[in-house]
C-alpha atoms as a PDB file:
ATOM      1  CA  UNK A   1       0.000   0.000   0.000  1.00  0.00           C
ATOM      2  CA  UNK A   2       2.804   2.393   0.837  1.00  0.00           C
ATOM      3  CA  UNK A   3       4.385   1.946  -2.572  1.00  0.00           C
ATOM      4  CA  UNK A   4       1.132   2.935  -4.280  1.00  0.00           C
ATOM      5  CA  UNK A   5       0.933   6.050  -2.111  1.00  0.00           C
ATOM      6  CA  UNK A   6       4.567   6.922  -2.840  1.00  0.00           C
ATOM      7  CA  UNK A   7       3.840   6.572  -6.545  1.00  0.00           C
ATOM      8  CA  UNK A   8       1.091   9.199  -6.393  1.00  0.00           C
ATOM      9  CA  UNK A   9      -2.029   7.138  -5.736  1.00  0.00           C
ATOM     10  CA  UNK A  10      -4.739   8.573  -3.484  1.00  0.00           C
ATOM     11  CA  UNK A  11      -6.402   6.165  -1.032  1.00  0.00           C
ATOM     12  CA  UNK A  12     -10.116   6.224  -0.212  1.00  0.00           C
ATOM     13  CA  UNK A  13     -12.736   3.747   0.962  1.00  0.00           C
ATOM     14  CA  UNK A  14     -15.565   3.249  -1.512  1.00  0.00           C
ATOM     15  CA  UNK A  15     -18.719   1.152  -1.435  1.00  0.00           C
ATOM     16  CA  UNK A  16     -20.062  -0.874  -4.319  1.00  0.00           C
ATOM     17  CA  UNK A  17     -23.683   0.285  -4.456  1.00  0.00           C
ATOM     18  CA  UNK A  18     -24.817  -2.951  -6.067  1.00  0.00           C
ATOM     19  CA  UNK A  19     -23.303  -5.375  -3.534  1.00  0.00           C
ATOM     20  CA  UNK A  20     -22.928  -2.981  -0.552  1.00  0.00           C
ATOM     21  CA  UNK A  21     -19.328  -4.188  -0.172  1.00  0.00           C
ATOM     22  CA  UNK A  22     -16.586  -1.759   0.858  1.00  0.00           C
ATOM     23  CA  UNK A  23     -13.230  -1.657  -0.903  1.00  0.00           C
ATOM     24  CA  UNK A  24     -10.080   0.361  -0.461  1.00  0.00           C
ATOM     25  CA  UNK A  25      -9.483   2.272  -3.675  1.00  0.00           C
ATOM     26  CA  UNK A  26      -6.067   3.499  -4.775  1.00  0.00           C
ATOM     27  CA  UNK A  27      -6.361   5.856  -7.742  1.00  0.00           C
ATOM     28  CA  UNK A  28      -4.136   8.216  -9.675  1.00  0.00           C
ATOM     29  CA  UNK A  29      -4.974  10.287 -12.703  1.00  0.00           C
ATOM     30  CA  UNK A  30      -2.199  11.713 -14.805  1.00  0.00           C
ATOM     31  CA  UNK A  31      -2.331  13.297 -18.245  1.00  0.00           C
ATOM     32  CA  UNK A  32      -5.709  11.792 -19.025  1.00  0.00           C
ATOM     33  CA  UNK A  33      -4.959   8.271 -17.771  1.00  0.00           C
ATOM     34  CA  UNK A  34      -6.731   6.753 -14.756  1.00  0.00           C
ATOM     35  CA  UNK A  35      -5.039   3.902 -12.893  1.00  0.00           C
ATOM     36  CA  UNK A  36      -7.077   2.254 -10.149  1.00  0.00           C
ATOM     37  CA  UNK A  37      -6.670  -0.606  -7.688  1.00  0.00           C
ATOM     38  CA  UNK A  38      -9.779  -1.784  -5.812  1.00  0.00           C
ATOM     39  CA  UNK A  39      -8.865  -3.982  -2.841  1.00  0.00           C
ATOM     40  CA  UNK A  40     -11.711  -5.984  -1.340  1.00  0.00           C
ATOM     41  CA  UNK A  41      -9.257  -7.971   0.804  1.00  0.00           C
ATOM     42  CA  UNK A  42      -5.648  -9.151   0.666  1.00  0.00           C
ATOM     43  CA  UNK A  43      -6.680 -11.969  -1.654  1.00  0.00           C
ATOM     44  CA  UNK A  44      -9.277 -10.205  -3.815  1.00  0.00           C
ATOM     45  CA  UNK A  45      -8.470  -7.100  -5.825  1.00  0.00           C
ATOM     46  CA  UNK A  46      -8.958  -5.561  -9.248  1.00  0.00           C
ATOM     47  CA  UNK A  47      -6.602  -3.166 -11.001  1.00  0.00           C
ATOM     48  CA  UNK A  48      -7.133  -1.336 -14.270  1.00  0.00           C
ATOM     49  CA  UNK A  49      -5.841   1.428 -16.525  1.00  0.00           C
ATOM     50  CA  UNK A  50      -8.269   3.444 -18.653  1.00  0.00           C
ATOM     51  CA  UNK A  51      -8.451   6.853 -20.249  1.00  0.00           C
ATOM     52  CA  UNK A  52      -9.746   9.322 -17.687  1.00  0.00           C
ATOM     53  CA  UNK A  53     -12.955   9.982 -19.632  1.00  0.00           C
ATOM     54  CA  UNK A  54     -13.746   6.262 -19.954  1.00  0.00           C
ATOM     55  CA  UNK A  55     -14.617   5.700 -16.281  1.00  0.00           C
ATOM     56  CA  UNK A  56     -17.153   7.282 -13.939  1.00  0.00           C
ATOM     57  CA  UNK A  57     -15.217   8.402 -10.827  1.00  0.00           C
ATOM     58  CA  UNK A  58     -18.380   8.033  -8.731  1.00  0.00           C
ATOM     59  CA  UNK A  59     -18.634   4.316  -9.639  1.00  0.00           C
ATOM     60  CA  UNK A  60     -15.125   2.862 -10.038  1.00  0.00           C
ATOM     61  CA  UNK A  61     -16.518  -0.693  -9.914  1.00  0.00           C
ATOM     62  CA  UNK A  62     -17.961  -0.477 -13.430  1.00  0.00           C
ATOM     63  CA  UNK A  63     -15.461  -0.292 -16.288  1.00  0.00           C
ATOM     64  CA  UNK A  64     -16.286  -1.178 -19.886  1.00  0.00           C
ATOM     65  CA  UNK A  65     -13.828  -3.902 -20.986  1.00  0.00           C
ATOM     66  CA  UNK A  66     -13.922  -2.520 -24.540  1.00  0.00           C
ATOM     67  CA  UNK A  67     -12.259   0.735 -23.407  1.00  0.00           C
ATOM     68  CA  UNK A  68      -9.941  -0.698 -20.755  1.00  0.00           C
ATOM     69  CA  UNK A  69      -6.279  -0.280 -21.678  1.00  0.00           C
ATOM     70  CA  UNK A  70      -5.258  -2.941 -19.122  1.00  0.00           C
ATOM     71  CA  UNK A  71      -6.914  -4.832 -16.264  1.00  0.00           C
ATOM     72  CA  UNK A  72      -6.073  -7.626 -13.867  1.00  0.00           C
ATOM     73  CA  UNK A  73      -7.777  -9.400 -10.984  1.00  0.00           C
ATOM     74  CA  UNK A  74      -6.282 -11.470  -8.183  1.00  0.00           C
ATOM     75  CA  UNK A  75      -4.420 -10.973  -4.926  1.00  0.00           C
ATOM     76  CA  UNK A  76      -3.848  -7.356  -3.925  1.00  0.00           C
ATOM     77  CA  UNK A  77      -0.045  -7.429  -3.969  1.00  0.00           C
ATOM     78  CA  UNK A  78       0.029  -9.185  -7.353  1.00  0.00           C
ATOM     79  CA  UNK A  79      -2.354  -6.854  -9.185  1.00  0.00           C
ATOM     80  CA  UNK A  80      -0.878  -3.704  -7.626  1.00  0.00           C
ATOM     81  CA  UNK A  81       2.621  -4.843  -8.567  1.00  0.00           C
ATOM     82  CA  UNK A  82       1.596  -5.610 -12.133  1.00  0.00           C
ATOM     83  CA  UNK A  83      -0.007  -2.187 -12.503  1.00  0.00           C
ATOM     84  CA  UNK A  84       3.106  -0.446 -11.199  1.00  0.00           C
ATOM     85  CA  UNK A  85       5.290  -2.429 -13.618  1.00  0.00           C
ATOM     86  CA  UNK A  86       3.323  -1.359 -16.703  1.00  0.00           C
ATOM     87  CA  UNK A  87       5.187   0.836 -19.154  1.00  0.00           C
ATOM     88  CA  UNK A  88       3.945   4.412 -19.347  1.00  0.00           C
ATOM     89  CA  UNK A  89       1.147   5.177 -21.772  1.00  0.00           C
ATOM     90  CA  UNK A  90       2.634   6.157 -25.160  1.00  0.00           C
ATOM     91  CA  UNK A  91       3.546   9.828 -25.092  1.00  0.00           C
ATOM     92  CA  UNK A  92       3.907   9.908 -21.297  1.00  0.00           C
ATOM     93  CA  UNK A  93       7.038   9.802 -19.223  1.00  0.00           C
ATOM     94  CA  UNK A  94       7.298   7.465 -16.260  1.00  0.00           C
ATOM     95  CA  UNK A  95       5.938   8.481 -12.890  1.00  0.00           C
ATOM     96  CA  UNK A  96       8.500   9.668 -10.367  1.00  0.00           C
ATOM     97  CA  UNK A  97      10.004   6.741  -8.518  1.00  0.00           C
ATOM     98  CA  UNK A  98      12.204   8.532  -5.983  1.00  0.00           C
ATOM     99  CA  UNK A  99      12.425   6.708  -2.672  1.00  0.00           C
ATOM    100  CA  UNK A 100      10.409   8.227   0.165  1.00  0.00           C
ATOM    101  CA  UNK A 101      12.253  11.018   1.910  1.00  0.00           C
ATOM    102  CA  UNK A 102      14.210  12.077  -1.153  1.00  0.00           C
ATOM    103  CA  UNK A 103      13.380  15.679  -1.799  1.00  0.00           C
ATOM    104  CA  UNK A 104      13.871  17.607  -5.011  1.00  0.00           C
ATOM    105  CA  UNK A 105      17.421  18.338  -6.122  1.00  0.00           C
ATOM    106  CA  UNK A 106      18.751  21.753  -5.237  1.00  0.00           C
END
């Protein structure tokens, strides 16, 4: 979880309105790309990458597979790791990967 936060993800708790199940959502949006991890438990999670306009931020549980750039389900650590290992979207640079505590160069 800390690695996601260090990589710019915001953490919130969201509820699936259909199933009334809570999940911890890690989400970052950068240059029109939305990357999300929904963790129901340590062993059940979903991660996906979509264009920002292709997902409703108020209902992150519903994503059209026809517009998904990448998605994966499984154990939390596995899907989060796979998402973080994806190459940047074409035309984007990589996200900052400085270790925690490293400030900007002076």
